[in-house]
Amino acid sequence: MLRRAQETAGKRRLAYECIYRYIAIIMAPSRDLPTPASFGCTCLRLRKAARRITQIYDRHVEPCGLTITQFGLLAHLRVLDGISLGALAEKLVMDPTTLTRNLRPLERQGYVVLEPDPADRRARSLHLTEEGREVLRAARPAWARAQRHVEEVFGSTDTGALNAALDRMLEKFA
């Protein structure tokens, strides 16, 4: 009986030692283990979130015959009329080839024209046509509904905080 009690006590002591070692290992700070805040890939999370948000906005502006990317391009050109392709690509943090590909449907529909720059015939400047202004004006309420939907689901405080954090990120990584 005494021997059995000693064996049980020994097994229990061994179990406690194993548990304590395990806890010490998992609780020890390590440069190799990601912290909870950094666990996972930030890029992947941002891309997934961007795709989800894009889907929401696309559904809202689609009845106007636009994607949210096209709406954004038209909105930029409304404010930056005459901007060069390269300058717009830089403002949008976009590759010029990708920008050109995104502008083609808008040109075909007559919403945007690409004209030689009067100051430099080698450069081309982008202009929003009257038809482009009209479709942008018509799509603006749909965009506003998408904006409200995101704020309602995510919360206006969180949306504001997210936008501020994204603005800081864009500034820091410029």
N, C-alpha and C. Protein backbone atom coordinates (compact mmCIF):
# COMPACT_ATOMS: atom_id res chain seq x y z
N MET A 1 0.82 -1.18 0.00
CA MET A 1 0.00 0.00 0.00
C MET A 1 0.87 1.26 0.00
N LEU A 2 1.89 1.29 0.81
CA LEU A 2 2.80 2.43 0.88
C LEU A 2 3.51 2.60 -0.46
N ARG A 3 3.93 1.46 -1.03
CA ARG A 3 4.63 1.51 -2.32
C ARG A 3 3.71 2.07 -3.41
N ARG A 4 2.46 1.66 -3.40
CA ARG A 4 1.50 2.15 -4.39
C ARG A 4 1.28 3.66 -4.22
N ALA A 5 1.18 4.15 -3.01
CA ALA A 5 1.02 5.58 -2.72
C ALA A 5 2.25 6.33 -3.20
N GLN A 6 3.47 5.76 -3.01
CA GLN A 6 4.69 6.41 -3.47
C GLN A 6 4.73 6.46 -5.00
N GLU A 7 4.29 5.39 -5.66
CA GLU A 7 4.26 5.36 -7.13
C GLU A 7 3.29 6.42 -7.65
N THR A 8 2.12 6.51 -7.03
CA THR A 8 1.12 7.50 -7.44
C THR A 8 1.66 8.91 -7.24
N ALA A 9 2.30 9.13 -6.10
CA ALA A 9 2.88 10.45 -5.82
C ALA A 9 3.98 10.76 -6.82
N GLY A 10 4.78 9.78 -7.18
CA GLY A 10 5.85 9.97 -8.16
C GLY A 10 5.29 10.32 -9.53
N LYS A 11 4.24 9.62 -9.93
CA LYS A 11 3.61 9.90 -11.22
C LYS A 11 3.00 11.30 -11.23
N ARG A 12 2.39 11.66 -10.12
CA ARG A 12 1.78 12.98 -10.02
C ARG A 12 2.85 14.06 -10.11
N ARG A 13 3.99 13.85 -9.40
CA ARG A 13 5.09 14.81 -9.42
C ARG A 13 5.63 14.95 -10.85
N LEU A 14 5.78 13.82 -11.54
CA LEU A 14 6.25 13.82 -12.92
C LEU A 14 5.27 14.58 -13.82
N ALA A 15 4.00 14.34 -13.62
CA ALA A 15 2.99 15.04 -14.41
C ALA A 15 3.06 16.55 -14.17
N TYR A 16 3.20 16.95 -12.90
CA TYR A 16 3.31 18.38 -12.59
C TYR A 16 4.57 18.98 -13.21
N GLU A 17 5.66 18.28 -13.15
CA GLU A 17 6.91 18.78 -13.75
C GLU A 17 6.73 18.97 -15.26
N CYS A 18 6.08 18.01 -15.91
CA CYS A 18 5.84 18.13 -17.36
C CYS A 18 4.97 19.34 -17.66
N ILE A 19 3.93 19.51 -16.86
CA ILE A 19 3.03 20.64 -17.07
C ILE A 19 3.78 21.95 -16.86
N TYR A 20 4.58 22.04 -15.78
CA TYR A 20 5.33 23.27 -15.51
C TYR A 20 6.33 23.56 -16.63
N ARG A 21 7.01 22.55 -17.13
CA ARG A 21 7.94 22.75 -18.25
C ARG A 21 7.22 23.24 -19.49
N TYR A 22 6.08 22.61 -19.78
CA TYR A 22 5.29 23.00 -20.95
C TYR A 22 4.86 24.46 -20.83
N ILE A 23 4.34 24.83 -19.66
CA ILE A 23 3.92 26.22 -19.45
C ILE A 23 5.10 27.16 -19.59
N ALA A 24 6.25 26.80 -19.03
CA ALA A 24 7.43 27.64 -19.14
C ALA A 24 7.84 27.82 -20.60
N ILE A 25 7.75 26.76 -21.38
CA ILE A 25 8.12 26.84 -22.80
C ILE A 25 7.15 27.74 -23.57
N ILE A 26 5.86 27.53 -23.39
CA ILE A 26 4.91 28.32 -24.19
C ILE A 26 4.80 29.76 -23.71
N MET A 27 5.15 30.01 -22.43
CA MET A 27 5.06 31.37 -21.92
C MET A 27 6.36 32.14 -22.11
N ALA A 28 7.43 31.47 -22.46
CA ALA A 28 8.71 32.14 -22.64
C ALA A 28 8.66 33.04 -23.86
N PRO A 29 9.18 34.28 -23.75
CA PRO A 29 9.20 35.16 -24.92
C PRO A 29 10.16 34.59 -25.97
N SER A 30 9.74 34.63 -27.18
CA SER A 30 10.57 34.11 -28.26
C SER A 30 10.40 35.01 -29.47
N ARG A 31 11.52 35.32 -30.11
CA ARG A 31 11.47 36.15 -31.31
C ARG A 31 10.92 35.35 -32.49
N ASP A 32 10.93 34.03 -32.37
CA ASP A 32 10.46 33.20 -33.47
C ASP A 32 8.94 33.05 -33.49
N LEU A 33 8.31 33.22 -32.33
CA LEU A 33 6.87 33.05 -32.26
C LEU A 33 6.19 34.40 -32.46
N PRO A 34 5.19 34.48 -33.32
CA PRO A 34 4.49 35.76 -33.50
C PRO A 34 3.67 36.10 -32.27
N THR A 35 3.57 37.38 -32.00
CA THR A 35 2.72 37.84 -30.91
C THR A 35 1.28 37.78 -31.39
N PRO A 36 0.31 37.75 -30.48
CA PRO A 36 -1.08 37.69 -30.92
C PRO A 36 -1.45 38.82 -31.89
N ALA A 37 -0.89 40.03 -31.67
CA ALA A 37 -1.22 41.17 -32.53
C ALA A 37 -0.65 40.99 -33.93
N SER A 38 0.48 40.30 -34.05
CA SER A 38 1.10 40.19 -35.37
C SER A 38 0.88 38.83 -36.01
N PHE A 39 0.16 37.94 -35.33
CA PHE A 39 -0.03 36.60 -35.85
C PHE A 39 -0.79 36.66 -37.16
N GLY A 40 -0.30 35.99 -38.14
CA GLY A 40 -0.95 36.00 -39.44
C GLY A 40 -0.33 37.04 -40.34
N CYS A 41 -0.83 37.11 -41.54
CA CYS A 41 -0.28 37.98 -42.56
C CYS A 41 -1.17 39.22 -42.72
N THR A 42 -0.61 40.38 -42.45
CA THR A 42 -1.34 41.63 -42.57
C THR A 42 -1.80 41.85 -44.01
N CYS A 43 -0.94 41.54 -44.95
CA CYS A 43 -1.28 41.72 -46.37
C CYS A 43 -2.49 40.88 -46.74
N LEU A 44 -2.49 39.63 -46.32
CA LEU A 44 -3.61 38.76 -46.63
C LEU A 44 -4.91 39.30 -46.04
N ARG A 45 -4.85 39.76 -44.79
CA ARG A 45 -6.04 40.31 -44.15
C ARG A 45 -6.55 41.55 -44.89
N LEU A 46 -5.63 42.44 -45.24
CA LEU A 46 -6.03 43.65 -45.95
C LEU A 46 -6.63 43.34 -47.31
N ARG A 47 -6.04 42.38 -48.02
CA ARG A 47 -6.56 42.02 -49.35
C ARG A 47 -7.93 41.37 -49.24
N LYS A 48 -8.11 40.51 -48.24
CA LYS A 48 -9.43 39.88 -48.06
C LYS A 48 -10.47 40.93 -47.71
N ALA A 49 -10.13 41.83 -46.81
CA ALA A 49 -11.06 42.90 -46.43
C ALA A 49 -11.37 43.78 -47.64
N ALA A 50 -10.36 44.10 -48.43
CA ALA A 50 -10.57 44.94 -49.61
C ALA A 50 -11.49 44.25 -50.60
N ARG A 51 -11.30 42.95 -50.80
CA ARG A 51 -12.18 42.22 -51.72
C ARG A 51 -13.63 42.23 -51.22
N ARG A 52 -13.81 42.02 -49.92
CA ARG A 52 -15.16 41.99 -49.35
C ARG A 52 -15.84 43.36 -49.51
N ILE A 53 -15.12 44.41 -49.17
CA ILE A 53 -15.67 45.76 -49.28
C ILE A 53 -15.94 46.10 -50.74
N THR A 54 -15.05 45.70 -51.64
CA THR A 54 -15.24 45.94 -53.07
C THR A 54 -16.52 45.27 -53.55
N GLN A 55 -16.77 44.06 -53.09
CA GLN A 55 -18.00 43.35 -53.48
C GLN A 55 -19.24 44.13 -53.05
N ILE A 56 -19.21 44.70 -51.86
CA ILE A 56 -20.35 45.46 -51.36
C ILE A 56 -20.58 46.69 -52.23
N TYR A 57 -19.52 47.46 -52.48
CA TYR A 57 -19.65 48.67 -53.29
C TYR A 57 -20.02 48.33 -54.74
N ASP A 58 -19.43 47.27 -55.27
CA ASP A 58 -19.77 46.86 -56.65
C ASP A 58 -21.26 46.56 -56.78
N ARG A 59 -21.83 45.85 -55.80
CA ARG A 59 -23.26 45.53 -55.85
C ARG A 59 -24.11 46.79 -55.88
N HIS A 60 -23.67 47.82 -55.18
CA HIS A 60 -24.45 49.05 -55.13
C HIS A 60 -24.34 49.88 -56.41
N VAL A 61 -23.15 49.97 -57.00
CA VAL A 61 -22.98 50.83 -58.19
C VAL A 61 -23.21 50.09 -59.51
N GLU A 62 -23.33 48.77 -59.45
CA GLU A 62 -23.52 47.96 -60.66
C GLU A 62 -24.77 48.36 -61.46
N PRO A 63 -25.89 48.69 -60.83
CA PRO A 63 -27.05 49.12 -61.62
C PRO A 63 -26.78 50.39 -62.45
N CYS A 64 -25.76 51.13 -62.10
CA CYS A 64 -25.39 52.33 -62.86
C CYS A 64 -24.42 51.99 -63.99
N GLY A 65 -24.07 50.71 -64.12
CA GLY A 65 -23.17 50.28 -65.18
C GLY A 65 -21.71 50.46 -64.86
N LEU A 66 -21.38 50.58 -63.57
CA LEU A 66 -19.99 50.80 -63.15
C LEU A 66 -19.57 49.77 -62.11
N THR A 67 -18.26 49.62 -61.98
CA THR A 67 -17.68 48.94 -60.83
C THR A 67 -17.21 50.04 -59.89
N ILE A 68 -16.89 49.68 -58.65
CA ILE A 68 -16.42 50.70 -57.71
C ILE A 68 -15.07 51.25 -58.16
N THR A 69 -14.26 50.44 -58.83
CA THR A 69 -12.98 50.93 -59.36
C THR A 69 -13.24 52.01 -60.41
N GLN A 70 -14.18 51.76 -61.30
CA GLN A 70 -14.51 52.75 -62.32
C GLN A 70 -15.10 54.01 -61.70
N PHE A 71 -15.98 53.83 -60.70
CA PHE A 71 -16.54 54.99 -60.00
C PHE A 71 -15.42 55.83 -59.41
N GLY A 72 -14.46 55.16 -58.75
CA GLY A 72 -13.34 55.88 -58.14
C GLY A 72 -12.50 56.64 -59.16
N LEU A 73 -12.28 56.02 -60.31
CA LEU A 73 -11.52 56.70 -61.37
C LEU A 73 -12.26 57.94 -61.86
N LEU A 74 -13.57 57.80 -62.11
CA LEU A 74 -14.36 58.95 -62.56
C LEU A 74 -14.35 60.06 -61.51
N ALA A 75 -14.48 59.68 -60.24
CA ALA A 75 -14.49 60.68 -59.15
C ALA A 75 -13.15 61.41 -59.08
N HIS A 76 -12.06 60.69 -59.25
CA HIS A 76 -10.74 61.33 -59.25
C HIS A 76 -10.60 62.28 -60.43
N LEU A 77 -11.05 61.85 -61.60
CA LEU A 77 -10.93 62.70 -62.79
C LEU A 77 -11.83 63.93 -62.72
N ARG A 78 -12.92 63.83 -62.00
CA ARG A 78 -13.78 65.02 -61.81
C ARG A 78 -12.99 66.11 -61.10
N VAL A 79 -12.19 65.72 -60.14
CA VAL A 79 -11.41 66.68 -59.35
C VAL A 79 -10.07 67.01 -60.01
N LEU A 80 -9.48 66.04 -60.70
CA LEU A 80 -8.13 66.20 -61.25
C LEU A 80 -8.14 66.25 -62.78
N ASP A 81 -9.07 66.97 -63.35
CA ASP A 81 -9.20 67.03 -64.80
C ASP A 81 -7.88 67.45 -65.45
N GLY A 82 -7.48 66.71 -66.47
CA GLY A 82 -6.24 67.02 -67.18
C GLY A 82 -5.00 66.38 -66.59
N ILE A 83 -5.15 65.56 -65.58
CA ILE A 83 -4.01 64.90 -64.95
C ILE A 83 -3.40 63.89 -65.94
N SER A 84 -2.11 63.70 -65.84
CA SER A 84 -1.46 62.71 -66.72
C SER A 84 -1.73 61.31 -66.18
N LEU A 85 -1.59 60.36 -67.06
CA LEU A 85 -1.78 58.96 -66.69
C LEU A 85 -0.83 58.57 -65.56
N GLY A 86 0.44 58.94 -65.69
CA GLY A 86 1.44 58.60 -64.67
C GLY A 86 1.14 59.23 -63.32
N ALA A 87 0.72 60.50 -63.34
CA ALA A 87 0.42 61.19 -62.09
C ALA A 87 -0.80 60.58 -61.40
N LEU A 88 -1.82 60.20 -62.20
CA LEU A 88 -3.00 59.56 -61.61
C LEU A 88 -2.64 58.19 -61.04
N ALA A 89 -1.83 57.44 -61.77
CA ALA A 89 -1.39 56.13 -61.27
C ALA A 89 -0.67 56.30 -59.94
N GLU A 90 0.17 57.31 -59.84
CA GLU A 90 0.91 57.56 -58.59
C GLU A 90 -0.05 57.92 -57.46
N LYS A 91 -1.02 58.79 -57.73
CA LYS A 91 -1.99 59.18 -56.69
C LYS A 91 -2.80 57.99 -56.20
N LEU A 92 -3.10 57.06 -57.12
CA LEU A 92 -3.91 55.90 -56.76
C LEU A 92 -3.08 54.72 -56.25
N VAL A 93 -1.76 54.90 -56.19
CA VAL A 93 -0.83 53.84 -55.80
C VAL A 93 -1.12 52.62 -56.68
N MET A 94 -1.09 52.86 -57.99
CA MET A 94 -1.46 51.85 -58.96
C MET A 94 -0.42 51.83 -60.08
N ASP A 95 -0.19 50.66 -60.61
CA ASP A 95 0.70 50.50 -61.74
C ASP A 95 0.06 51.17 -62.96
N PRO A 96 0.82 51.96 -63.76
CA PRO A 96 0.24 52.62 -64.94
C PRO A 96 -0.42 51.65 -65.92
N THR A 97 0.13 50.46 -66.07
CA THR A 97 -0.47 49.47 -66.97
C THR A 97 -1.84 49.04 -66.47
N THR A 98 -1.95 48.82 -65.18
CA THR A 98 -3.24 48.44 -64.58
C THR A 98 -4.23 49.59 -64.73
N LEU A 99 -3.76 50.81 -64.51
CA LEU A 99 -4.64 51.97 -64.66
C LEU A 99 -5.16 52.06 -66.10
N THR A 100 -4.27 51.88 -67.06
CA THR A 100 -4.66 51.93 -68.47
C THR A 100 -5.74 50.88 -68.76
N ARG A 101 -5.53 49.68 -68.25
CA ARG A 101 -6.50 48.59 -68.44
C ARG A 101 -7.85 48.95 -67.82
N ASN A 102 -7.84 49.60 -66.67
CA ASN A 102 -9.09 50.00 -66.01
C ASN A 102 -9.77 51.18 -66.71
N LEU A 103 -8.99 51.99 -67.40
CA LEU A 103 -9.56 53.15 -68.10
C LEU A 103 -10.18 52.78 -69.44
N ARG A 104 -9.71 51.72 -70.07
CA ARG A 104 -10.20 51.35 -71.41
C ARG A 104 -11.71 51.26 -71.52
N PRO A 105 -12.40 50.53 -70.61
CA PRO A 105 -13.87 50.47 -70.74
C PRO A 105 -14.52 51.86 -70.60
N LEU A 106 -13.94 52.70 -69.75
CA LEU A 106 -14.50 54.04 -69.56
C LEU A 106 -14.30 54.89 -70.83
N GLU A 107 -13.19 54.69 -71.51
CA GLU A 107 -12.96 55.37 -72.78
C GLU A 107 -13.95 54.88 -73.84
N ARG A 108 -14.11 53.55 -73.93
CA ARG A 108 -15.04 52.97 -74.91
C ARG A 108 -16.47 53.45 -74.70
N GLN A 109 -16.85 53.64 -73.44
CA GLN A 109 -18.20 54.11 -73.14
C GLN A 109 -18.35 55.62 -73.31
N GLY A 110 -17.25 56.29 -73.58
CA GLY A 110 -17.28 57.74 -73.79
C GLY A 110 -17.29 58.54 -72.51
N TYR A 111 -16.88 57.96 -71.39
CA TYR A 111 -16.86 58.67 -70.11
C TYR A 111 -15.55 59.41 -69.87
N VAL A 112 -14.49 58.95 -70.54
CA VAL A 112 -13.15 59.50 -70.33
C VAL A 112 -12.48 59.64 -71.70
N VAL A 113 -11.71 60.71 -71.86
CA VAL A 113 -10.89 60.85 -73.06
C VAL A 113 -9.45 61.07 -72.63
N LEU A 114 -8.56 60.51 -73.42
CA LEU A 114 -7.11 60.65 -73.21
C LEU A 114 -6.60 61.48 -74.37
N GLU A 115 -6.14 62.70 -74.09
CA GLU A 115 -5.73 63.62 -75.14
C GLU A 115 -4.26 63.99 -74.97
N PRO A 116 -3.61 64.36 -76.07
CA PRO A 116 -2.24 64.83 -75.95
C PRO A 116 -2.20 66.08 -75.06
N ASP A 117 -1.20 66.15 -74.22
CA ASP A 117 -1.05 67.28 -73.32
C ASP A 117 -0.58 68.49 -74.14
N PRO A 118 -1.27 69.62 -74.05
CA PRO A 118 -0.87 70.78 -74.85
C PRO A 118 0.54 71.28 -74.52
N ALA A 119 0.96 71.08 -73.28
CA ALA A 119 2.30 71.53 -72.87
C ALA A 119 3.40 70.57 -73.33
N ASP A 120 3.07 69.30 -73.47
CA ASP A 120 4.06 68.28 -73.86
C ASP A 120 3.34 67.25 -74.72
N ARG A 121 3.53 67.32 -76.03
CA ARG A 121 2.82 66.46 -76.97
C ARG A 121 3.11 64.97 -76.75
N ARG A 122 4.20 64.64 -76.06
CA ARG A 122 4.51 63.22 -75.78
C ARG A 122 3.66 62.68 -74.65
N ALA A 123 3.23 63.57 -73.77
CA ALA A 123 2.42 63.17 -72.62
C ALA A 123 0.93 63.22 -73.01
N ARG A 124 0.14 62.45 -72.28
CA ARG A 124 -1.30 62.46 -72.50
C ARG A 124 -2.01 62.82 -71.20
N SER A 125 -3.09 63.56 -71.32
CA SER A 125 -3.84 63.95 -70.13
C SER A 125 -5.24 63.36 -70.19
N LEU A 126 -5.77 63.08 -69.03
CA LEU A 126 -7.09 62.45 -68.90
C LEU A 126 -8.15 63.50 -68.60
N HIS A 127 -9.29 63.34 -69.27
CA HIS A 127 -10.40 64.28 -69.07
C HIS A 127 -11.70 63.49 -68.92
N LEU A 128 -12.54 63.97 -68.03
CA LEU A 128 -13.86 63.40 -67.84
C LEU A 128 -14.80 64.09 -68.84
N THR A 129 -15.54 63.30 -69.60
CA THR A 129 -16.49 63.87 -70.56
C THR A 129 -17.78 64.25 -69.85
N GLU A 130 -18.65 64.92 -70.56
CA GLU A 130 -19.96 65.26 -69.98
C GLU A 130 -20.73 63.98 -69.65
N GLU A 131 -20.63 62.95 -70.52
CA GLU A 131 -21.29 61.67 -70.23
C GLU A 131 -20.71 61.04 -68.98
N GLY A 132 -19.41 61.18 -68.78
CA GLY A 132 -18.76 60.67 -67.58
C GLY A 132 -19.25 61.39 -66.33
N ARG A 133 -19.42 62.70 -66.46
CA ARG A 133 -19.94 63.48 -65.32
C ARG A 133 -21.37 63.05 -64.98
N GLU A 134 -22.16 62.79 -66.01
CA GLU A 134 -23.55 62.38 -65.79
C GLU A 134 -23.63 61.02 -65.10
N VAL A 135 -22.84 60.05 -65.58
CA VAL A 135 -22.89 58.71 -64.96
C VAL A 135 -22.35 58.77 -63.53
N LEU A 136 -21.35 59.61 -63.30
CA LEU A 136 -20.82 59.78 -61.95
C LEU A 136 -21.89 60.38 -61.03
N ARG A 137 -22.58 61.40 -61.54
CA ARG A 137 -23.65 62.04 -60.77
C ARG A 137 -24.76 61.03 -60.46
N ALA A 138 -25.10 60.19 -61.43
CA ALA A 138 -26.16 59.19 -61.24
C ALA A 138 -25.73 58.09 -60.26
N ALA A 139 -24.45 57.77 -60.23
CA ALA A 139 -23.95 56.68 -59.37
C ALA A 139 -23.66 57.14 -57.95
N ARG A 140 -23.55 58.43 -57.74
CA ARG A 140 -23.17 58.93 -56.41
C ARG A 140 -24.14 58.48 -55.30
N PRO A 141 -25.46 58.51 -55.50
CA PRO A 141 -26.36 58.02 -54.44
C PRO A 141 -26.16 56.53 -54.14
N ALA A 142 -25.85 55.73 -55.16
CA ALA A 142 -25.59 54.30 -54.94
C ALA A 142 -24.31 54.13 -54.12
N TRP A 143 -23.29 54.93 -54.44
CA TRP A 143 -22.04 54.89 -53.66
C TRP A 143 -22.33 55.28 -52.20
N ALA A 144 -23.15 56.32 -52.02
CA ALA A 144 -23.47 56.77 -50.66
C ALA A 144 -24.21 55.68 -49.88
N ARG A 145 -25.09 54.93 -50.56
CA ARG A 145 -25.79 53.81 -49.89
C ARG A 145 -24.79 52.74 -49.47
N ALA A 146 -23.83 52.45 -50.33
CA ALA A 146 -22.80 51.46 -49.97
C ALA A 146 -21.99 51.95 -48.77
N GLN A 147 -21.65 53.22 -48.78
CA GLN A 147 -20.89 53.82 -47.68
C GLN A 147 -21.68 53.69 -46.37
N ARG A 148 -22.96 54.02 -46.42
CA ARG A 148 -23.81 53.90 -45.21
C ARG A 148 -23.91 52.46 -44.75
N HIS A 149 -24.05 51.54 -45.71
CA HIS A 149 -24.16 50.11 -45.36
C HIS A 149 -22.91 49.65 -44.60
N VAL A 150 -21.74 50.01 -45.09
CA VAL A 150 -20.49 49.62 -44.43
C VAL A 150 -20.44 50.22 -43.03
N GLU A 151 -20.80 51.49 -42.90
CA GLU A 151 -20.78 52.14 -41.59
C GLU A 151 -21.78 51.52 -40.62
N GLU A 152 -22.94 51.13 -41.14
CA GLU A 152 -23.95 50.50 -40.28
C GLU A 152 -23.48 49.13 -39.79
N VAL A 153 -22.87 48.36 -40.66
CA VAL A 153 -22.42 47.01 -40.30
C VAL A 153 -21.18 47.08 -39.41
N PHE A 154 -20.23 47.90 -39.79
CA PHE A 154 -18.95 47.95 -39.07
C PHE A 154 -19.01 48.89 -37.88
N GLY A 155 -19.92 49.86 -37.93
CA GLY A 155 -20.03 50.86 -36.87
C GLY A 155 -19.31 52.13 -37.29
N SER A 156 -19.92 53.26 -37.04
CA SER A 156 -19.33 54.51 -37.49
C SER A 156 -18.01 54.81 -36.77
N THR A 157 -17.93 54.46 -35.50
CA THR A 157 -16.69 54.70 -34.76
C THR A 157 -15.57 53.84 -35.32
N ASP A 158 -15.84 52.54 -35.53
CA ASP A 158 -14.82 51.65 -36.08
C ASP A 158 -14.45 52.04 -37.51
N THR A 159 -15.44 52.48 -38.29
CA THR A 159 -15.16 52.89 -39.67
C THR A 159 -14.25 54.10 -39.67
N GLY A 160 -14.54 55.06 -38.81
CA GLY A 160 -13.68 56.25 -38.71
C GLY A 160 -12.28 55.89 -38.25
N ALA A 161 -12.18 55.00 -37.27
CA ALA A 161 -10.86 54.57 -36.78
C ALA A 161 -10.10 53.82 -37.87
N LEU A 162 -10.81 52.97 -38.60
CA LEU A 162 -10.17 52.22 -39.69
C LEU A 162 -9.65 53.18 -40.76
N ASN A 163 -10.48 54.13 -41.17
CA ASN A 163 -10.06 55.09 -42.19
C ASN A 163 -8.84 55.89 -41.73
N ALA A 164 -8.84 56.30 -40.46
CA ALA A 164 -7.70 57.05 -39.92
C ALA A 164 -6.45 56.18 -39.92
N ALA A 165 -6.59 54.91 -39.51
CA ALA A 165 -5.43 54.00 -39.48
C ALA A 165 -4.91 53.75 -40.90
N LEU A 166 -5.81 53.58 -41.86
CA LEU A 166 -5.39 53.37 -43.24
C LEU A 166 -4.70 54.60 -43.80
N ASP A 167 -5.21 55.79 -43.48
CA ASP A 167 -4.55 57.03 -43.92
C ASP A 167 -3.14 57.13 -43.35
N ARG A 168 -2.98 56.80 -42.06
CA ARG A 168 -1.65 56.83 -41.44
C ARG A 168 -0.73 55.81 -42.12
N MET A 169 -1.28 54.63 -42.41
CA MET A 169 -0.49 53.59 -43.05
C MET A 169 -0.03 54.06 -44.43
N LEU A 170 -0.93 54.62 -45.21
CA LEU A 170 -0.56 55.10 -46.54
C LEU A 170 0.51 56.18 -46.46
N GLU A 171 0.40 57.04 -45.46
CA GLU A 171 1.39 58.10 -45.28
C GLU A 171 2.75 57.53 -44.88
N LYS A 172 2.75 56.58 -43.96
CA LYS A 172 4.01 56.00 -43.48
C LYS A 172 4.71 55.17 -44.54
N PHE A 173 3.96 54.51 -45.39
CA PHE A 173 4.56 53.63 -46.40
C PHE A 173 4.76 54.34 -47.75
N ALA A 174 4.54 55.64 -47.79
CA ALA A 174 4.70 56.38 -49.05
C ALA A 174 6.17 56.44 -49.46
